[in-house]
Amino acid sequence: MSSKTFDLSKMTVEDLFRAKKERRQRLANLPFQEKIEIVKKLQAVARTIRASIGEDLDQRTKSQAKPHEEK
């Protein structure tokens, strides 16, 4: 599957799986440093999303460190 314009109504499940496989192969072939840059960008996006919904990052870290107590 290429980056050309395509008609979603004509896309088959096989097309989706082929595109997924091709994308994974492209990502696997990237240099390590480029993969690290992608991860950093994804982390920044996640941080922005959490901040936009008002999630307290410190509270989130604390709750992950402690097991939840059953009431």
N, C-alpha and C. Protein backbone atom coordinates (compact mmCIF):
# COMPACT_ATOMS: atom_id res chain seq x y z
N MET A 1 0.84 -1.17 0.00
CA MET A 1 0.00 0.00 0.00
C MET A 1 0.89 1.24 0.00
N SER A 2 0.63 2.16 -0.84
CA SER A 2 1.46 3.36 -0.93
C SER A 2 0.74 4.53 -0.29
N SER A 3 1.39 5.70 -0.33
CA SER A 3 0.79 6.89 0.25
C SER A 3 -0.13 7.59 -0.74
N LYS A 4 -0.44 6.95 -1.83
CA LYS A 4 -1.35 7.53 -2.82
C LYS A 4 -2.76 7.64 -2.22
N THR A 5 -3.58 8.48 -2.82
CA THR A 5 -4.96 8.60 -2.41
C THR A 5 -5.68 7.29 -2.73
N PHE A 6 -6.51 6.84 -1.81
CA PHE A 6 -7.22 5.59 -2.04
C PHE A 6 -8.65 5.72 -1.58
N ASP A 7 -9.50 4.88 -2.13
CA ASP A 7 -10.92 4.90 -1.82
C ASP A 7 -11.18 3.91 -0.69
N LEU A 8 -11.52 4.41 0.49
CA LEU A 8 -11.75 3.55 1.64
C LEU A 8 -12.88 2.55 1.41
N SER A 9 -13.85 2.92 0.60
CA SER A 9 -14.97 2.01 0.36
C SER A 9 -14.54 0.78 -0.44
N LYS A 10 -13.41 0.86 -1.13
CA LYS A 10 -12.92 -0.27 -1.91
C LYS A 10 -11.81 -1.05 -1.19
N MET A 11 -11.46 -0.60 0.00
CA MET A 11 -10.39 -1.25 0.75
C MET A 11 -10.91 -2.55 1.38
N THR A 12 -10.12 -3.59 1.25
CA THR A 12 -10.50 -4.88 1.83
C THR A 12 -9.71 -5.11 3.11
N VAL A 13 -10.10 -6.13 3.85
CA VAL A 13 -9.38 -6.50 5.06
C VAL A 13 -7.95 -6.88 4.70
N GLU A 14 -7.79 -7.55 3.59
CA GLU A 14 -6.44 -7.93 3.14
C GLU A 14 -5.58 -6.69 2.89
N ASP A 15 -6.20 -5.65 2.30
CA ASP A 15 -5.47 -4.40 2.07
C ASP A 15 -5.00 -3.80 3.40
N LEU A 16 -5.88 -3.84 4.40
CA LEU A 16 -5.52 -3.29 5.71
C LEU A 16 -4.37 -4.05 6.34
N PHE A 17 -4.44 -5.38 6.29
CA PHE A 17 -3.37 -6.18 6.87
C PHE A 17 -2.06 -6.00 6.10
N ARG A 18 -2.14 -5.88 4.80
CA ARG A 18 -0.93 -5.65 3.99
C ARG A 18 -0.31 -4.30 4.34
N ALA A 19 -1.15 -3.27 4.48
CA ALA A 19 -0.66 -1.93 4.83
C ALA A 19 -0.03 -1.95 6.22
N LYS A 20 -0.65 -2.67 7.14
CA LYS A 20 -0.12 -2.77 8.50
C LYS A 20 1.25 -3.45 8.48
N LYS A 21 1.37 -4.52 7.73
CA LYS A 21 2.63 -5.24 7.63
C LYS A 21 3.72 -4.36 7.01
N GLU A 22 3.37 -3.62 5.96
CA GLU A 22 4.33 -2.74 5.30
C GLU A 22 4.78 -1.62 6.23
N ARG A 23 3.84 -1.07 6.98
CA ARG A 23 4.19 0.01 7.92
C ARG A 23 5.13 -0.51 9.01
N ARG A 24 4.82 -1.68 9.54
CA ARG A 24 5.69 -2.26 10.56
C ARG A 24 7.09 -2.51 10.02
N GLN A 25 7.17 -2.96 8.78
CA GLN A 25 8.48 -3.21 8.17
C GLN A 25 9.26 -1.90 7.99
N ARG A 26 8.55 -0.85 7.54
CA ARG A 26 9.21 0.46 7.39
C ARG A 26 9.74 0.95 8.74
N LEU A 27 8.92 0.82 9.79
CA LEU A 27 9.35 1.27 11.11
C LEU A 27 10.50 0.42 11.64
N ALA A 28 10.46 -0.87 11.39
CA ALA A 28 11.53 -1.76 11.84
C ALA A 28 12.85 -1.42 11.17
N ASN A 29 12.80 -0.92 9.95
CA ASN A 29 14.02 -0.61 9.19
C ASN A 29 14.61 0.76 9.52
N LEU A 30 13.92 1.54 10.34
CA LEU A 30 14.44 2.86 10.70
C LEU A 30 15.69 2.72 11.56
N PRO A 31 16.60 3.68 11.46
CA PRO A 31 17.75 3.68 12.36
C PRO A 31 17.29 3.86 13.81
N PHE A 32 18.06 3.28 14.73
CA PHE A 32 17.69 3.32 16.15
C PHE A 32 17.42 4.74 16.63
N GLN A 33 18.30 5.68 16.29
CA GLN A 33 18.15 7.06 16.76
C GLN A 33 16.83 7.67 16.29
N GLU A 34 16.41 7.34 15.09
CA GLU A 34 15.14 7.85 14.58
C GLU A 34 13.96 7.27 15.37
N LYS A 35 14.08 6.01 15.76
CA LYS A 35 13.04 5.38 16.59
C LYS A 35 12.93 6.09 17.93
N ILE A 36 14.09 6.45 18.51
CA ILE A 36 14.11 7.18 19.78
C ILE A 36 13.41 8.53 19.63
N GLU A 37 13.66 9.22 18.53
CA GLU A 37 13.01 10.51 18.28
C GLU A 37 11.49 10.35 18.17
N ILE A 38 11.04 9.29 17.55
CA ILE A 38 9.60 9.02 17.43
C ILE A 38 9.00 8.81 18.82
N VAL A 39 9.68 8.03 19.66
CA VAL A 39 9.20 7.78 21.02
C VAL A 39 9.11 9.08 21.80
N LYS A 40 10.13 9.93 21.68
CA LYS A 40 10.12 11.23 22.38
C LYS A 40 8.92 12.07 21.94
N LYS A 41 8.64 12.08 20.64
CA LYS A 41 7.50 12.85 20.14
C LYS A 41 6.19 12.29 20.67
N LEU A 42 6.07 10.96 20.71
CA LEU A 42 4.85 10.34 21.25
C LEU A 42 4.68 10.66 22.73
N GLN A 43 5.78 10.67 23.47
CA GLN A 43 5.72 11.02 24.89
C GLN A 43 5.26 12.46 25.08
N ALA A 44 5.75 13.35 24.22
CA ALA A 44 5.35 14.76 24.30
C ALA A 44 3.85 14.91 24.02
N VAL A 45 3.37 14.17 23.04
CA VAL A 45 1.94 14.22 22.72
C VAL A 45 1.12 13.70 23.90
N ALA A 46 1.55 12.59 24.49
CA ALA A 46 0.84 12.03 25.63
C ALA A 46 0.82 13.01 26.80
N ARG A 47 1.96 13.67 27.04
CA ARG A 47 2.06 14.67 28.10
C ARG A 47 1.08 15.82 27.85
N THR A 48 1.01 16.27 26.61
CA THR A 48 0.09 17.37 26.25
C THR A 48 -1.36 16.96 26.48
N ILE A 49 -1.68 15.74 26.08
CA ILE A 49 -3.06 15.26 26.25
C ILE A 49 -3.41 15.16 27.73
N ARG A 50 -2.49 14.59 28.52
CA ARG A 50 -2.76 14.49 29.96
C ARG A 50 -2.93 15.87 30.58
N ALA A 51 -2.10 16.81 30.19
CA ALA A 51 -2.21 18.18 30.73
C ALA A 51 -3.52 18.83 30.32
N SER A 52 -3.97 18.55 29.09
CA SER A 52 -5.20 19.18 28.60
C SER A 52 -6.44 18.67 29.32
N ILE A 53 -6.37 17.47 29.86
CA ILE A 53 -7.52 16.93 30.59
C ILE A 53 -7.36 17.14 32.08
N GLY A 54 -6.26 17.81 32.46
CA GLY A 54 -6.05 18.16 33.86
C GLY A 54 -5.56 17.03 34.73
N GLU A 55 -4.98 16.01 34.15
CA GLU A 55 -4.47 14.90 34.94
C GLU A 55 -3.23 15.35 35.69
N ASP A 56 -3.22 15.09 36.97
CA ASP A 56 -2.08 15.44 37.81
C ASP A 56 -1.02 14.35 37.61
N LEU A 57 0.09 14.72 36.96
CA LEU A 57 1.12 13.74 36.65
C LEU A 57 1.75 13.16 37.90
N ASP A 58 1.93 13.98 38.94
CA ASP A 58 2.51 13.46 40.18
C ASP A 58 1.57 12.44 40.81
N GLN A 59 0.28 12.73 40.82
CA GLN A 59 -0.70 11.82 41.38
C GLN A 59 -0.71 10.51 40.61
N ARG A 60 -0.60 10.60 39.29
CA ARG A 60 -0.59 9.41 38.44
C ARG A 60 0.63 8.55 38.77
N THR A 61 1.77 9.16 38.94
CA THR A 61 2.99 8.43 39.27
C THR A 61 2.86 7.75 40.62
N LYS A 62 2.30 8.45 41.59
CA LYS A 62 2.13 7.88 42.93
C LYS A 62 1.17 6.69 42.90
N SER A 63 0.08 6.81 42.14
CA SER A 63 -0.89 5.72 42.11
C SER A 63 -0.34 4.50 41.40
N GLN A 64 0.60 4.69 40.48
CA GLN A 64 1.20 3.54 39.80
C GLN A 64 2.23 2.87 40.70
N ALA A 65 2.83 3.63 41.61
CA ALA A 65 3.85 3.07 42.49
C ALA A 65 3.24 2.21 43.59
N LYS A 66 2.02 2.55 44.02
CA LYS A 66 1.35 1.82 45.09
C LYS A 66 0.28 0.91 44.50
N PRO A 67 0.20 -0.33 45.00
CA PRO A 67 -0.91 -1.18 44.56
C PRO A 67 -2.22 -0.62 45.09
N HIS A 68 -3.27 -0.75 44.34
CA HIS A 68 -4.58 -0.27 44.77
C HIS A 68 -5.08 -1.13 45.92
N GLU A 69 -5.59 -0.45 46.93
CA GLU A 69 -6.14 -1.17 48.08
C GLU A 69 -7.61 -1.44 47.82
N GLU A 70 -8.04 -2.68 48.13
CA GLU A 70 -9.44 -3.01 47.96
C GLU A 70 -10.21 -2.52 49.16
N LYS A 71 -11.40 -2.01 48.91
CA LYS A 71 -12.25 -1.49 50.00
C LYS A 71 -13.31 -2.48 50.35
